[in-house]
C-alpha cells in the first residue's frame, strides 16, 4: 500500500466505507459468495501451476473493519473455509508502527492474530513488511540527528526481533517496501537520507538472510506492473544485491486503476524482466479501483484489469502466486485514500461477486488473449 496519507487511516478506523454495492444496480445479488458446485480461486490457481491464490486480511475490529462486525461470520466463512484462498498476508499487523511502537518495545499482538488464523486454517503466510518509510513508528522519524551507526543498529534490531518472532511461519517476507520513486531514484526517507538507498536495503536483506534461511526474501513495490524507469531501477537493485547477499523475489503490489490498466503484454514484460534475473515474482497486493458508483463500463474494465494481471502471472514461469489486498469491498483501503474511488476488490458489500471474479477464473483457466496464447506454464487449454 502506498500514500503519504496512510497514517490517517488509523484516525478514520471507525468510519464506515461506502460501497458500490448499494444503490447502483451492482452488488445486490443474493450474497451467497459461492455456489454449491463452486471451486475456489486457489483450486484454479494450483491447477494453473501457481503456488497459491490468496487474500490479505486485517485484525477484526480495527481500521477499515471497524463497524462491520455483523459481516464477520460471512466474511470468515469465505476467507478461511470456502477454499477461495490458500494464502494470506496481514495487511497491517506486522508493520513497524505496530510491532515496535516505541524503541526496543515489541508488540506482536496484531500480527499474531492473522498468523494464528493462517496456521489454524492451513493457509500459506506471506509476511509484510519489515522496513518501510510509511506506517513507521513515529519515534524513528522524530529523531533528526541519527548517526549512521545508530540507525544501522535500529534496523538490525527491528528486523532481528520481528523475524525471530515469526521464524518458521512465513513463506516469504517483504523485507523492504517501496524504496523507489517513479523515475527510478531512491525515495527520500529517514533510511535513505541517513544511510543512502542501497546501503539500508542491503543491510535489511543481509540481516534477514541470517535469521530465517527458509523464508523467501522479497523487495516489494507498486507501479512495477509494466516496464518503466522504476522497474529498471528495481532490476538494477536485484542484480546488485545478488552479487553480495540473498534476494529471492520481487513483489509487484499491483494496485491498479480500472480505467487505465496495463495490458496483458505489459504485465508479461514486467514480470519476465524480473524472473529472467533468477528471482521469483508474486502479485502481492492486487486490487483494481474504479470511479464510484460502479457501472457496467468500469466493472467490465475492472474485469479486464484483473484478467490481465492474473493471466500474466499464469503465463510466466517464475510468477508463483497472487494475493488480493483483502477480498471484501468494505474492508478496502482505497476509499480512505482516493476520493470518489473504490469497489476495488472481488466481493461487494452484500457478498455478491464482481464480474472481475469471472475474469480471474478465466485467466486461471487460460482464457486470456495476447502474448501468443500460451497456456498455464505452457499447458494445453482446459475447461473448468
Protein backbone atom coordinates (compact mmCIF):
# COMPACT_ATOMS: atom_id res chain seq x y z
CA UNK A 1 0.00 0.00 0.00
CA UNK A 2 1.29 3.46 -0.78
CA UNK A 3 0.44 7.03 0.04
CA UNK A 4 1.52 9.74 2.40
CA UNK A 5 -1.99 9.62 3.86
CA UNK A 6 -1.75 6.08 5.20
CA UNK A 7 -1.30 7.07 8.81
CA UNK A 8 -4.63 8.89 8.62
CA UNK A 9 -6.30 5.50 8.22
CA UNK A 10 -5.81 4.93 11.92
CA UNK A 11 -7.78 8.02 12.79
CA UNK A 12 -10.55 7.00 10.39
CA UNK A 13 -10.82 3.49 11.74
CA UNK A 14 -14.44 3.74 12.81
CA UNK A 15 -15.77 5.42 9.67
CA UNK A 16 -17.88 3.01 7.59
CA UNK A 17 -16.96 2.68 3.95
CA UNK A 18 -19.30 3.49 1.13
CA UNK A 19 -19.74 0.57 -1.20
CA UNK A 20 -20.51 0.33 -4.87
CA UNK A 21 -22.86 -2.48 -3.89
CA UNK A 22 -25.56 -0.04 -2.75
CA UNK A 23 -27.94 1.92 -4.89
CA UNK A 24 -26.30 1.49 -8.27
CA UNK A 25 -27.68 -1.79 -9.54
CA UNK A 26 -24.48 -3.69 -8.75
CA UNK A 27 -23.67 -5.88 -5.79
CA UNK A 28 -27.30 -6.51 -4.91
CA UNK A 29 -27.34 -10.24 -5.52
CA UNK A 30 -28.16 -12.95 -3.02
CA UNK A 31 -24.83 -12.59 -1.25
CA UNK A 32 -24.12 -16.29 -1.44
CA UNK A 33 -20.43 -15.87 -2.20
CA UNK A 34 -20.29 -19.27 -3.92
CA UNK A 35 -22.48 -21.93 -5.48
CA UNK A 36 -22.77 -25.50 -4.25
CA UNK A 37 -20.59 -26.77 -7.11
CA UNK A 38 -18.10 -23.92 -7.00
CA UNK A 39 -14.35 -24.49 -6.89
CA UNK A 40 -12.33 -21.76 -5.23
CA UNK A 41 -9.77 -19.45 -6.81
CA UNK A 42 -6.94 -21.21 -5.01
CA UNK A 43 -8.01 -24.50 -6.62
CA UNK A 44 -7.92 -22.91 -10.08
CA UNK A 45 -4.57 -21.28 -9.33
CA UNK A 46 -2.94 -24.52 -8.29
CA UNK A 47 -4.36 -26.28 -11.34
CA UNK A 48 -2.81 -23.50 -13.45
CA UNK A 49 0.60 -24.12 -11.89
CA UNK A 50 0.70 -21.35 -9.28
CA UNK A 51 1.63 -21.92 -5.66
CA UNK A 52 -1.41 -20.08 -4.30
CA UNK A 53 -4.17 -17.57 -4.78
CA UNK A 54 -4.64 -15.62 -1.57
CA UNK A 55 -6.22 -12.63 0.13
CA UNK A 56 -4.73 -10.31 2.71
CA UNK A 57 -6.72 -9.63 5.86
CA UNK A 58 -6.58 -7.39 8.92
CA UNK A 59 -7.35 -7.61 12.62
CA UNK A 60 -11.08 -7.80 13.48
CA UNK A 61 -12.47 -4.53 14.80
CA UNK A 62 -9.57 -2.41 13.60
CA UNK A 63 -9.29 0.29 10.91
CA UNK A 64 -11.46 -0.48 7.87
CA UNK A 65 -13.04 -3.45 9.65
CA UNK A 66 -14.48 -1.36 12.49
CA UNK A 67 -18.26 -1.04 12.34
CA UNK A 68 -18.80 -4.10 10.14
CA UNK A 69 -18.95 -6.72 12.88
CA UNK A 70 -22.24 -8.10 11.54
CA UNK A 71 -20.41 -9.15 8.37
CA UNK A 72 -17.66 -11.09 10.15
CA UNK A 73 -19.33 -14.50 10.13
CA UNK A 74 -19.89 -14.48 6.37
CA UNK A 75 -16.51 -12.88 5.77
CA UNK A 76 -14.72 -15.52 7.83
CA UNK A 77 -16.55 -18.31 6.04
CA UNK A 78 -15.29 -17.07 2.65
CA UNK A 79 -11.84 -16.14 3.91
CA UNK A 80 -11.00 -19.30 5.81
CA UNK A 81 -13.44 -22.07 4.90
CA UNK A 82 -14.62 -21.66 1.31
CA UNK A 83 -11.47 -22.81 -0.48
CA UNK A 84 -11.23 -19.50 -2.33
CA UNK A 85 -7.87 -18.63 -0.77
CA UNK A 86 -4.82 -20.71 0.07
CA UNK A 87 -2.67 -17.87 1.39
CA UNK A 88 -2.94 -14.70 3.42
CA UNK A 89 -0.93 -11.62 4.45
CA UNK A 90 -1.53 -9.37 7.47
CA UNK A 91 -2.38 -6.03 5.89
CA UNK A 92 -1.13 -4.04 8.87
CA UNK A 93 -0.22 -6.05 11.96
CA UNK A 94 3.43 -6.78 11.14
CA UNK A 95 4.37 -3.24 10.13
CA UNK A 96 6.83 -1.22 12.20
CA UNK A 97 4.13 1.05 13.63
CA UNK A 98 2.52 -1.93 15.32
CA UNK A 99 5.45 -4.25 16.04
CA UNK A 100 7.83 -1.68 17.60
CA UNK A 101 5.72 1.33 18.56
CA UNK A 102 8.39 2.56 20.98
CA UNK A 103 12.09 1.86 20.62
CA UNK A 104 13.04 -1.55 21.89
CA UNK A 105 9.46 -2.42 22.95
CA UNK A 106 7.94 -5.04 20.67
CA UNK A 107 4.27 -5.93 20.36
CA UNK A 108 3.21 -8.80 18.12
CA UNK A 109 -0.46 -8.89 19.10
CA UNK A 110 -1.94 -7.81 15.78
CA UNK A 111 0.45 -9.75 13.58
CA UNK A 112 -0.19 -12.86 15.64
CA UNK A 113 -3.94 -12.66 15.03
CA UNK A 114 -3.56 -13.26 11.30
CA UNK A 115 -0.59 -15.59 11.66
CA UNK A 116 -2.51 -17.83 14.05
CA UNK A 117 -5.58 -17.87 11.79
CA UNK A 118 -3.39 -18.81 8.85
CA UNK A 119 -1.87 -21.67 10.84
CA UNK A 120 -5.25 -22.84 12.16
CA UNK A 121 -6.76 -22.90 8.68
CA UNK A 122 -3.70 -24.29 6.88
CA UNK A 123 -3.06 -21.18 4.79
CA UNK A 124 0.34 -20.13 3.50
CA UNK A 125 1.52 -16.93 5.21
CA UNK A 126 3.31 -14.09 3.45
CA UNK A 127 4.75 -11.66 6.00
CA UNK A 128 4.72 -7.88 5.44
CA UNK A 129 6.72 -5.58 5.84
CA UNK A 130 10.00 -5.14 7.72
CA UNK A 131 11.48 -1.82 6.53
CA UNK A 132 9.18 0.80 5.03
CA UNK A 133 9.10 4.57 5.14
CA UNK A 134 5.32 4.63 5.77
CA UNK A 135 3.36 3.35 8.76
CA UNK A 136 6.66 3.75 10.52
CA UNK A 137 6.73 4.18 14.29
CA UNK A 138 6.89 7.94 14.99
CA UNK A 139 10.00 7.61 17.16
CA UNK A 140 12.06 6.60 14.13
CA UNK A 141 11.29 9.79 12.24
CA UNK A 142 11.11 12.09 15.26
CA UNK A 143 14.84 11.89 15.90
CA UNK A 144 16.54 14.20 13.41
CA UNK A 145 20.16 13.52 14.32
CA UNK A 146 20.56 9.77 13.80
CA UNK A 147 24.14 8.79 13.17
CA UNK A 148 24.75 6.06 10.61
CA UNK A 149 25.78 3.60 13.29
CA UNK A 150 22.69 4.35 15.37
CA UNK A 151 20.27 3.88 12.51
CA UNK A 152 22.02 0.73 11.34
CA UNK A 153 21.57 -0.65 14.85
CA UNK A 154 17.88 0.32 14.81
CA UNK A 155 17.28 -1.52 11.52
CA UNK A 156 19.17 -4.61 12.63
CA UNK A 157 17.34 -4.71 15.97
CA UNK A 158 13.92 -4.33 14.37
CA UNK A 159 14.44 -6.91 11.63
CA UNK A 160 16.03 -9.32 14.10
CA UNK A 161 13.28 -9.17 16.70
CA UNK A 162 10.38 -9.35 14.26
CA UNK A 163 11.85 -12.15 12.18
CA UNK A 164 12.83 -14.18 15.23
CA UNK A 165 9.26 -13.98 16.49
CA UNK A 166 7.82 -15.25 13.19
CA UNK A 167 10.64 -17.63 12.28
CA UNK A 168 9.31 -20.73 10.58
CA UNK A 169 5.85 -19.24 10.00
CA UNK A 170 6.40 -17.16 6.85
CA UNK A 171 6.68 -18.48 3.32
CA UNK A 172 8.11 -15.07 2.39
CA UNK A 173 8.95 -11.69 3.90
CA UNK A 174 8.63 -8.32 2.22
CA UNK A 175 11.97 -7.18 3.59
CA UNK A 176 11.98 -3.69 2.07
CA UNK A 177 8.89 -1.94 0.79
CA UNK A 178 8.58 0.97 -1.67
CA UNK A 179 12.11 2.36 -1.71
CA UNK A 180 11.95 3.95 -5.19
CA UNK A 181 10.40 6.97 -6.83
CA UNK A 182 8.68 6.68 -10.21
CA UNK A 183 11.77 7.99 -12.01
CA UNK A 184 13.92 5.22 -10.55
CA UNK A 185 15.68 7.33 -7.92
CA UNK A 186 15.65 6.34 -4.28
CA UNK A 187 12.70 7.64 -2.31
CA UNK A 188 13.57 10.19 0.37
CA UNK A 189 13.11 8.65 3.81
CA UNK A 190 14.89 8.61 7.13
CA UNK A 191 16.66 5.45 5.96
CA UNK A 192 17.87 6.72 2.59
CA UNK A 193 18.73 10.16 3.96
CA UNK A 194 20.97 8.85 6.74
CA UNK A 195 22.38 5.68 5.15
CA UNK A 196 21.81 6.01 1.43
CA UNK A 197 19.32 3.99 -0.58
CA UNK A 198 21.22 0.86 -1.41
CA UNK A 199 23.01 0.68 1.93
CA UNK A 200 19.88 0.44 4.06
CA UNK A 201 18.30 -2.05 1.65
CA UNK A 202 21.41 -4.22 1.67
CA UNK A 203 21.56 -4.08 5.47
CA UNK A 204 17.94 -5.17 5.79
CA UNK A 205 18.39 -8.12 3.41
CA UNK A 206 21.70 -9.09 4.96
CA UNK A 207 20.11 -9.19 8.41
CA UNK A 208 17.02 -11.04 7.21
CA UNK A 209 19.03 -13.70 5.38
CA UNK A 210 20.74 -14.72 8.62
CA UNK A 211 17.56 -15.01 10.64
CA UNK A 212 15.27 -17.28 8.64
CA UNK A 213 17.05 -19.19 5.88
CA UNK A 214 13.82 -20.88 4.79
CA UNK A 215 11.79 -17.71 4.26
CA UNK A 216 11.87 -16.16 0.79
CA UNK A 217 13.17 -12.59 0.91
CA UNK A 218 11.35 -10.08 -1.31
CA UNK A 219 11.66 -6.50 -2.41
CA UNK A 220 8.07 -5.18 -2.75
CA UNK A 221 6.78 -2.09 -4.59
CA UNK A 222 3.91 -0.58 -6.58
CA UNK A 223 3.91 0.51 -10.24
CA UNK A 224 6.16 -2.36 -11.27
CA UNK A 225 3.43 -3.91 -13.41
CA UNK A 226 4.66 -2.55 -16.74
CA UNK A 227 8.16 -1.64 -17.96
CA UNK A 228 9.33 1.77 -16.71
CA UNK A 229 12.23 3.64 -15.17
CA UNK A 230 11.09 2.28 -11.82
CA UNK A 231 11.04 -1.35 -12.93
CA UNK A 232 14.50 -0.89 -14.42
CA UNK A 233 15.77 0.59 -11.14
CA UNK A 234 14.46 -2.41 -9.22
CA UNK A 235 16.08 -4.77 -11.74
CA UNK A 236 19.35 -2.94 -11.16
CA UNK A 237 18.91 -3.30 -7.39
CA UNK A 238 18.24 -7.03 -7.68
CA UNK A 239 21.36 -7.55 -9.77
CA UNK A 240 23.45 -5.54 -7.32
CA UNK A 241 22.15 -7.43 -4.27
CA UNK A 242 22.68 -10.78 -5.97
CA UNK A 243 26.41 -10.12 -6.06
CA UNK A 244 26.54 -9.85 -2.26
CA UNK A 245 23.53 -11.31 -0.45
CA UNK A 246 20.35 -13.28 -0.90
CA UNK A 247 17.25 -11.86 -2.55
CA UNK A 248 14.65 -14.42 -3.59
CA UNK A 249 11.79 -12.46 -5.06
CA UNK A 250 10.20 -9.24 -6.23
CA UNK A 251 6.67 -8.40 -5.18
CA UNK A 252 4.54 -6.48 -7.65
CA UNK A 253 1.90 -4.83 -5.48
CA UNK A 254 -0.44 -4.32 -8.44
CA UNK A 255 -2.63 -1.52 -7.06
CA UNK A 256 -4.28 -0.85 -10.41
CA UNK A 257 -6.87 1.52 -11.87
CA UNK A 258 -9.67 0.04 -13.98
CA UNK A 259 -9.84 2.94 -16.38
CA UNK A 260 -6.07 2.97 -17.10
CA UNK A 261 -4.98 -0.63 -16.70
CA UNK A 262 -1.80 -2.23 -18.09
CA UNK A 263 -2.19 -4.60 -21.00
CA UNK A 264 -1.51 -8.30 -20.72
CA UNK A 265 1.71 -7.89 -22.70
CA UNK A 266 2.89 -5.06 -20.46
CA UNK A 267 2.34 -7.24 -17.40
CA UNK A 268 4.16 -10.15 -19.02
CA UNK A 269 7.13 -7.98 -20.00
CA UNK A 270 7.46 -6.57 -16.48
CA UNK A 271 7.26 -9.98 -14.82
CA UNK A 272 9.75 -11.52 -17.24
CA UNK A 273 12.12 -8.63 -16.59
CA UNK A 274 12.47 -9.90 -13.04
CA UNK A 275 12.18 -13.66 -13.49
CA UNK A 276 14.97 -13.64 -16.06
CA UNK A 277 17.25 -12.46 -13.25
CA UNK A 278 16.59 -15.70 -11.41
CA UNK A 279 14.20 -14.39 -8.74
CA UNK A 280 10.59 -15.38 -8.30
CA UNK A 281 7.74 -12.90 -8.69
CA UNK A 282 4.38 -12.61 -6.96
CA UNK A 283 1.48 -10.21 -7.27
CA UNK A 284 1.35 -9.23 -3.62
CA UNK A 285 -1.40 -6.61 -3.09
CA UNK A 286 -3.65 -6.79 -6.13
CA UNK A 287 -6.70 -4.57 -6.28
CA UNK A 288 -8.28 -2.55 -9.09
CA UNK A 289 -10.01 0.64 -8.04
CA UNK A 290 -12.64 2.39 -10.13
CA UNK A 291 -14.75 5.52 -10.06
CA UNK A 292 -17.79 5.02 -7.86
CA UNK A 293 -20.63 4.35 -8.10
CA UNK A 294 -19.69 1.36 -10.22
CA UNK A 295 -21.31 0.93 -13.59
CA UNK A 296 -21.32 -1.64 -16.37
CA UNK A 297 -18.48 0.07 -18.22
CA UNK A 298 -15.94 0.36 -15.42
CA UNK A 299 -16.83 -3.05 -13.99
CA UNK A 300 -16.00 -4.50 -17.41
CA UNK A 301 -12.74 -2.55 -17.40
CA UNK A 302 -12.00 -3.85 -13.92
CA UNK A 303 -12.66 -7.40 -15.07
CA UNK A 304 -10.15 -6.95 -17.88
CA UNK A 305 -7.57 -5.47 -15.48
CA UNK A 306 -7.81 -8.41 -13.11
CA UNK A 307 -7.76 -10.84 -16.01
CA UNK A 308 -4.62 -9.26 -17.50
CA UNK A 309 -2.71 -9.20 -14.21
CA UNK A 310 -3.55 -12.74 -13.14
CA UNK A 311 -3.23 -14.06 -16.68
CA UNK A 312 0.28 -12.68 -16.99
CA UNK A 313 1.33 -14.36 -13.76
CA UNK A 314 -0.05 -17.65 -15.04
CA UNK A 315 1.77 -17.30 -18.34
CA UNK A 316 5.25 -16.57 -16.99
CA UNK A 317 7.29 -19.28 -15.31
CA UNK A 318 8.62 -17.89 -12.08
CA UNK A 319 5.49 -15.93 -11.16
CA UNK A 320 4.39 -18.07 -8.25
CA UNK A 321 1.20 -16.61 -6.83
CA UNK A 322 -1.36 -13.85 -6.46
CA UNK A 323 -2.60 -12.07 -3.33
CA UNK A 324 -5.51 -9.65 -3.48
CA UNK A 325 -5.42 -6.87 -0.89
CA UNK A 326 -8.42 -8.23 1.02
CA UNK A 327 -11.43 -9.50 -0.93
CA UNK A 328 -14.40 -7.60 0.56
CA UNK A 329 -15.05 -4.04 -0.64
CA UNK A 330 -15.92 -2.53 2.77
CA UNK A 331 -12.51 -3.63 4.08
CA UNK A 332 -10.53 -1.95 1.29
CA UNK A 333 -8.11 0.90 1.97
CA UNK A 334 -8.96 2.58 -1.34
CA UNK A 335 -11.94 4.84 -0.40
CA UNK A 336 -10.00 6.31 2.53
CA UNK A 337 -7.20 7.45 0.26
CA UNK A 338 -8.68 8.03 -3.21
CA UNK A 339 -11.74 10.28 -3.07
CA UNK A 340 -14.56 9.05 -5.31
CA UNK A 341 -12.89 5.69 -5.96
CA UNK A 342 -13.47 2.26 -4.50
CA UNK A 343 -15.12 -1.10 -5.27
CA UNK A 344 -11.58 -2.38 -5.84
CA UNK A 345 -11.93 -5.99 -4.74
CA UNK A 346 -13.85 -9.09 -5.85
CA UNK A 347 -16.80 -9.15 -3.41
CA UNK A 348 -19.35 -6.35 -2.99
CA UNK A 349 -20.71 -5.27 0.39
CA UNK A 350 -23.55 -7.83 0.17
CA UNK A 351 -21.02 -10.60 -0.60
CA UNK A 352 -22.09 -10.97 -4.22
CA UNK A 353 -19.13 -11.18 -6.56
CA UNK A 354 -17.80 -8.61 -9.01
CA UNK A 355 -17.69 -9.53 -12.70
CA UNK A 356 -13.92 -9.36 -12.18
CA UNK A 357 -14.13 -12.61 -10.25
CA UNK A 358 -15.04 -14.33 -13.52
CA UNK A 359 -12.12 -12.53 -15.16
CA UNK A 360 -9.77 -14.09 -12.62
CA UNK A 361 -11.23 -17.54 -13.26
CA UNK A 362 -10.84 -17.00 -17.00
CA UNK A 363 -7.20 -16.05 -16.50
CA UNK A 364 -6.56 -19.09 -14.34
CA UNK A 365 -8.20 -21.37 -16.90
CA UNK A 366 -6.18 -19.85 -19.76
CA UNK A 367 -8.87 -17.79 -21.42
CA UNK A 368 -6.62 -14.75 -21.81
CA UNK A 369 -5.71 -13.37 -25.20
CA UNK A 370 -2.42 -11.86 -26.32
CA UNK A 371 1.16 -12.95 -25.67
CA UNK A 372 0.81 -15.72 -28.28
CA UNK A 373 -1.91 -17.54 -26.32
CA UNK A 374 0.35 -19.85 -24.37
CA UNK A 375 -1.43 -21.69 -21.59
CA UNK A 376 -0.66 -22.04 -17.91
CA UNK A 377 3.02 -22.94 -17.72
CA UNK A 378 2.75 -23.99 -21.36
CA UNK A 379 -0.05 -26.47 -20.68
CA UNK A 380 -2.92 -27.13 -23.03
CA UNK A 381 -6.18 -25.25 -22.58
CA UNK A 382 -8.67 -26.89 -20.27
CA UNK A 383 -12.26 -26.23 -19.33
CA UNK A 384 -13.17 -25.77 -15.68
